[in-house]
Amino acid sequence: ETAASGFASKNSSALIGITTLVFVILQVLVARYWTGDMYFKVGNIAVSTDNDIYSVYYYRKAVELAPMREIYWVKYGIGHEKLMRKEQDRQARMGHINEALKIHSRTIAMNSMNGYNYNNIARVYKFYGEAVDGNKYAESIRNYEEAIKRDPNNAYFGLDLCSVYINMRQWDKAME
């Protein structure tokens, strides 16, 4: 009898218990990931049927279950963006603006190399500038410039920045 087989026969109950525990933990992790993905997909369905309030609920559940999935956070933030544009009540609108800013800030922290993450937060600040406080355009410009720095060949980022300058009636910068 080898030392390993002797150890296994003497500790078989403990090895079975540890193996079972490892499999249970793995099953829970896989189930969380799978369930998070299901919530994400239902959120996408809600978006496609123009039920944005439901999309935010399902995206929130997805990020709770799979918090490392950047795309889940992106869609969750965009869900709040859609609600901020629809909301007529100022306080509720500000709630959605603040949530979108918080969520998109998180995506930047998760992946600061992705220009779209900066473009997303810039879009929120642009709306904030249009709807509530024109001083927020400066934050929008700063974030669009960060997006362009990370992805200089993305024409959308430049067009979005141009629209901020148009809103501010800074025609020379818009033309540039």
Protein backbone atom coordinates (compact mmCIF):
# COMPACT_ATOMS: atom_id res chain seq x y z
CA GLU A 1 0.00 0.00 0.00
CA THR A 2 1.35 3.42 -0.98
CA ALA A 3 1.34 6.43 1.31
CA ALA A 4 -1.33 8.14 -0.83
CA SER A 5 -3.70 5.17 -0.86
CA GLY A 6 -3.15 4.67 2.87
CA PHE A 7 -4.00 8.31 3.50
CA ALA A 8 -7.09 8.04 1.27
CA SER A 9 -8.38 4.93 3.00
CA LYS A 10 -7.85 6.43 6.46
CA ASN A 11 -9.51 9.76 5.53
CA SER A 12 -12.14 8.64 3.03
CA SER A 13 -15.02 10.33 4.86
CA ALA A 14 -13.19 13.65 4.96
CA LEU A 15 -12.20 13.39 1.28
CA ILE A 16 -15.78 12.60 0.28
CA GLY A 17 -17.00 15.55 2.35
CA ILE A 18 -14.45 17.95 0.83
CA THR A 19 -15.18 16.72 -2.70
CA THR A 20 -18.92 17.12 -2.13
CA LEU A 21 -18.42 20.64 -0.76
CA VAL A 22 -16.29 21.63 -3.77
CA PHE A 23 -18.98 20.36 -6.16
CA VAL A 24 -21.76 22.17 -4.27
CA ILE A 25 -19.80 25.43 -4.37
CA LEU A 26 -19.11 25.00 -8.09
CA GLN A 27 -22.78 24.26 -8.72
CA VAL A 28 -23.85 27.39 -6.85
CA LEU A 29 -21.38 29.53 -8.81
CA VAL A 30 -22.52 28.08 -12.14
CA ALA A 31 -26.18 28.49 -11.15
CA ARG A 32 -25.59 32.15 -10.18
CA TYR A 33 -23.85 32.82 -13.49
CA TRP A 34 -26.58 31.04 -15.46
CA THR A 35 -29.39 32.76 -13.53
CA GLY A 36 -27.69 36.14 -13.99
CA ASP A 37 -27.55 35.46 -17.72
CA MET A 38 -31.26 34.58 -17.73
CA TYR A 39 -32.11 37.87 -15.98
CA PHE A 40 -29.92 39.72 -18.49
CA LYS A 41 -31.73 38.12 -21.43
CA VAL A 42 -35.14 38.94 -19.96
CA GLY A 43 -33.90 42.53 -19.53
CA ASN A 44 -33.01 42.57 -23.22
CA ILE A 45 -36.50 41.33 -24.08
CA ALA A 46 -37.99 44.10 -21.93
CA VAL A 47 -35.91 46.68 -23.83
CA SER A 48 -37.04 45.31 -27.18
CA THR A 49 -40.68 45.62 -26.12
CA ASP A 50 -40.19 49.17 -24.77
CA ASN A 51 -40.67 48.10 -21.14
CA ASP A 52 -37.67 49.95 -19.79
CA ILE A 53 -38.80 49.92 -16.17
CA TYR A 54 -38.75 46.12 -16.31
CA SER A 55 -35.41 46.07 -18.08
CA VAL A 56 -33.81 48.00 -15.21
CA TYR A 57 -35.25 45.52 -12.71
CA TYR A 58 -33.91 42.49 -14.61
CA TYR A 59 -30.53 44.07 -15.33
CA ARG A 60 -30.19 44.91 -11.62
CA LYS A 61 -30.84 41.25 -10.79
CA ALA A 62 -28.27 40.20 -13.41
CA VAL A 63 -25.54 42.40 -11.93
CA GLU A 64 -26.34 41.18 -8.43
CA LEU A 65 -25.81 37.59 -9.54
CA ALA A 66 -22.90 38.14 -11.92
CA PRO A 67 -21.23 41.41 -10.85
CA MET A 68 -18.10 40.91 -12.96
CA ARG A 69 -19.95 40.96 -16.30
CA GLU A 70 -19.25 44.40 -17.73
CA ILE A 71 -21.98 44.18 -20.40
CA TYR A 72 -24.61 43.61 -17.71
CA TRP A 73 -23.59 46.86 -16.02
CA VAL A 74 -23.52 48.70 -19.35
CA LYS A 75 -27.06 47.65 -20.22
CA TYR A 76 -28.22 48.43 -16.67
CA GLY A 77 -26.88 51.98 -16.99
CA ILE A 78 -28.42 52.39 -20.44
CA GLY A 79 -31.75 51.24 -18.99
CA HIS A 80 -31.62 54.14 -16.54
CA GLU A 81 -30.69 56.45 -19.41
CA LYS A 82 -33.84 55.44 -21.27
CA LEU A 83 -35.92 56.10 -18.15
CA MET A 84 -34.31 59.50 -17.51
CA ARG A 85 -35.31 60.58 -21.02
CA LYS A 86 -38.92 59.48 -20.53
CA GLU A 87 -39.39 60.75 -16.98
CA GLN A 88 -41.24 64.04 -16.59
CA ASP A 89 -40.97 64.34 -12.81
CA ARG A 90 -37.75 66.26 -12.03
CA GLN A 91 -36.89 64.32 -8.87
CA ALA A 92 -37.46 60.94 -10.51
CA ARG A 93 -35.47 62.08 -13.56
CA MET A 94 -32.56 63.09 -11.31
CA GLY A 95 -32.77 59.67 -9.65
CA HIS A 96 -32.28 57.98 -13.02
CA ILE A 97 -29.51 60.40 -14.02
CA ASN A 98 -27.65 59.72 -10.78
CA GLU A 99 -28.09 55.95 -11.10
CA ALA A 100 -26.86 56.00 -14.70
CA LEU A 101 -23.82 58.06 -13.67
CA LYS A 102 -23.04 55.71 -10.79
CA ILE A 103 -23.42 52.60 -12.95
CA HIS A 104 -21.40 53.95 -15.87
CA SER A 105 -18.69 55.06 -13.42
CA ARG A 106 -18.52 51.48 -12.29
CA THR A 107 -18.07 50.22 -15.84
CA ILE A 108 -15.18 52.65 -16.27
CA ALA A 109 -13.64 51.26 -13.08
CA MET A 110 -14.14 47.74 -14.44
CA ASN A 111 -12.62 48.53 -17.83
CA SER A 112 -11.06 51.94 -18.31
CA MET A 113 -9.72 50.97 -21.74
CA ASN A 114 -13.18 50.69 -23.29
CA GLY A 115 -14.03 53.97 -25.02
CA TYR A 116 -17.72 53.09 -25.01
CA ASN A 117 -17.76 53.25 -21.21
CA TYR A 118 -16.67 56.89 -21.39
CA ASN A 119 -19.10 57.56 -24.22
CA ASN A 120 -21.94 56.17 -22.10
CA ILE A 121 -21.23 58.44 -19.14
CA ALA A 122 -20.69 61.40 -21.49
CA ARG A 123 -24.14 60.77 -22.96
CA VAL A 124 -25.69 60.99 -19.48
CA TYR A 125 -23.88 64.26 -18.76
CA LYS A 126 -25.03 65.59 -22.14
CA PHE A 127 -28.64 64.88 -21.22
CA TYR A 128 -28.04 66.34 -17.74
CA GLY A 129 -26.78 69.50 -19.46
CA GLU A 130 -29.79 69.65 -21.79
CA ALA A 131 -32.47 68.90 -19.23
CA VAL A 132 -31.25 70.22 -15.90
CA ASP A 133 -27.92 72.05 -15.66
CA GLY A 134 -25.99 73.41 -18.63
CA ASN A 135 -22.80 73.34 -16.55
CA LYS A 136 -22.78 69.54 -16.93
CA TYR A 137 -21.78 69.90 -20.57
CA ALA A 138 -18.17 70.31 -19.39
CA GLU A 139 -18.24 66.79 -17.88
CA SER A 140 -19.82 65.50 -21.07
CA ILE A 141 -17.03 67.01 -23.17
CA ARG A 142 -14.34 65.65 -20.87
CA ASN A 143 -15.74 62.12 -21.11
CA TYR A 144 -16.29 62.27 -24.87
CA GLU A 145 -12.65 63.32 -25.23
CA GLU A 146 -11.62 60.33 -23.11
CA ALA A 147 -13.71 58.05 -25.32
CA ILE A 148 -12.06 59.48 -28.44
CA LYS A 149 -8.60 59.11 -26.90
CA ARG A 150 -9.26 55.40 -26.34
CA ASP A 151 -10.87 54.82 -29.74
CA PRO A 152 -9.89 57.64 -32.11
CA ASN A 153 -11.35 55.88 -35.16
CA ASN A 154 -14.87 55.67 -33.73
CA ALA A 155 -16.86 58.26 -35.65
CA TYR A 156 -19.82 58.07 -33.27
CA PHE A 157 -17.82 59.50 -30.38
CA GLY A 158 -16.85 62.54 -32.44
CA LEU A 159 -20.40 63.05 -33.66
CA ASP A 160 -21.71 62.85 -30.10
CA LEU A 161 -19.13 65.42 -28.97
CA CYS A 162 -20.10 67.63 -31.89
CA SER A 163 -23.73 67.58 -30.75
CA VAL A 164 -22.69 68.91 -27.32
CA TYR A 165 -20.89 71.83 -28.97
CA ILE A 166 -23.97 72.46 -31.12
CA ASN A 167 -26.13 72.53 -27.99
CA MET A 168 -23.69 75.03 -26.50
CA ARG A 169 -23.75 77.06 -29.75
CA GLN A 170 -19.98 76.72 -30.06
CA TRP A 171 -20.03 76.37 -33.82
CA ASP A 172 -16.24 76.49 -34.35
CA LYS A 173 -15.67 73.60 -31.97
CA ALA A 174 -18.54 71.69 -33.53
CA MET A 175 -16.99 72.12 -36.98
CA GLU A 176 -13.60 71.01 -35.66
